[in-house]
């Protein structure tokens, strides 16, 4: 209930403007220069960020580790929190 209320209580103009900015952002030119370990978590049924774009990003990050959340959607941090926490813990250890 809290999350739903928080989502409905947002500033709609700010929400859409930030969404437009996110869609314009393109890191493909410089991702190959990242020199730190990276964990890329890909929800395979993401309805907002197409999984092929996420796989492309992972392929551009040198030596990245990919975690596929099979069947998960964009809200996977809420629906698969335990899986994500375990993956992050294992990655940083």
Protein backbone atom coordinates (compact mmCIF):
# COMPACT_ATOMS: atom_id res chain seq x y z
CA UNK A 1 0.00 0.00 0.00
CA UNK A 2 2.76 2.43 0.92
CA UNK A 3 4.59 1.93 -2.38
CA UNK A 4 1.44 2.36 -4.43
CA UNK A 5 0.60 5.56 -2.55
CA UNK A 6 4.13 6.88 -3.01
CA UNK A 7 4.01 6.16 -6.73
CA UNK A 8 0.70 7.94 -7.11
CA UNK A 9 1.88 10.90 -5.04
CA UNK A 10 4.74 11.86 -7.35
CA UNK A 11 5.01 15.02 -9.41
CA UNK A 12 3.82 13.90 -12.88
CA UNK A 13 5.79 16.57 -14.77
CA UNK A 14 9.01 15.71 -12.96
CA UNK A 15 8.32 11.99 -13.46
CA UNK A 16 7.94 12.31 -17.24
CA UNK A 17 10.82 14.78 -17.64
CA UNK A 18 13.17 12.47 -15.75
CA UNK A 19 11.96 9.54 -17.86
CA UNK A 20 12.74 11.44 -21.06
CA UNK A 21 16.22 12.27 -19.76
CA UNK A 22 16.87 8.62 -18.90
CA UNK A 23 15.84 7.47 -22.39
CA UNK A 24 18.17 10.06 -24.00
CA UNK A 25 21.16 8.93 -21.91
CA UNK A 26 23.57 6.73 -23.85
CA UNK A 27 26.72 5.34 -22.24
CA UNK A 28 27.76 3.01 -25.04
CA UNK A 29 30.61 5.29 -26.18
CA UNK A 30 32.48 5.06 -22.88
CA UNK A 31 31.38 1.84 -21.15
CA UNK A 32 34.44 0.00 -22.42
CA UNK A 33 36.65 2.39 -20.42
CA UNK A 34 35.16 1.42 -17.06
CA UNK A 35 37.96 -0.16 -15.05
CA UNK A 36 36.11 -1.48 -12.00
CA UNK A 37 34.28 -4.76 -11.52
CA UNK A 38 30.63 -4.51 -12.52
CA UNK A 39 27.61 -6.65 -11.70
CA UNK A 40 24.81 -6.31 -14.24
CA UNK A 41 21.44 -7.58 -13.06
CA UNK A 42 19.09 -8.32 -15.95
CA UNK A 43 15.41 -9.07 -15.36
CA UNK A 44 14.65 -11.15 -18.45
CA UNK A 45 11.05 -9.95 -18.74
CA UNK A 46 11.76 -6.25 -18.10
CA UNK A 47 8.89 -4.29 -19.58
CA UNK A 48 10.62 -0.86 -19.41
CA UNK A 49 14.26 -1.46 -20.36
CA UNK A 50 14.46 -4.04 -23.14
CA UNK A 51 16.62 -6.99 -22.05
CA UNK A 52 18.59 -6.94 -25.35
CA UNK A 53 19.75 -3.40 -24.47
CA UNK A 54 20.77 -4.63 -21.03
CA UNK A 55 22.75 -7.52 -22.52
CA UNK A 56 24.43 -5.09 -24.91
CA UNK A 57 25.45 -2.88 -21.99
CA UNK A 58 26.87 -5.87 -20.14
CA UNK A 59 28.86 -6.91 -23.20
CA UNK A 60 30.44 -3.44 -23.37
CA UNK A 61 31.61 -3.53 -19.74
CA UNK A 62 34.97 -5.30 -19.60
CA UNK A 63 34.77 -8.44 -17.48
CA UNK A 64 31.29 -7.73 -16.20
CA UNK A 65 29.39 -10.37 -14.26
CA UNK A 66 25.79 -10.90 -15.36
CA UNK A 67 22.98 -12.11 -13.16
CA UNK A 68 19.84 -13.06 -15.08
CA UNK A 69 16.62 -12.94 -13.13
CA UNK A 70 14.63 -15.30 -15.32
CA UNK A 71 10.99 -14.29 -15.52
CA UNK A 72 11.54 -11.10 -13.51
CA UNK A 73 10.26 -7.71 -14.59
CA UNK A 74 11.47 -4.14 -14.07
CA UNK A 75 10.28 -4.13 -10.46
CA UNK A 76 12.65 -7.00 -9.64
CA UNK A 77 14.31 -5.09 -6.76
CA UNK A 78 10.96 -5.46 -5.00
CA UNK A 79 9.98 -8.92 -6.22
CA UNK A 80 13.43 -10.56 -6.15
CA UNK A 81 15.13 -8.63 -3.37
CA UNK A 82 16.62 -11.70 -1.72
CA UNK A 83 18.13 -13.00 -4.97
CA UNK A 84 19.61 -9.59 -5.72
CA UNK A 85 21.01 -9.17 -2.19
CA UNK A 86 22.67 -12.60 -2.37
CA UNK A 87 24.17 -11.82 -5.78
CA UNK A 88 25.54 -8.48 -4.62
CA UNK A 89 26.98 -10.03 -1.47
CA UNK A 90 28.68 -12.79 -3.45
CA UNK A 91 29.95 -10.28 -6.00
CA UNK A 92 31.59 -7.96 -3.47
CA UNK A 93 33.10 -10.80 -1.44
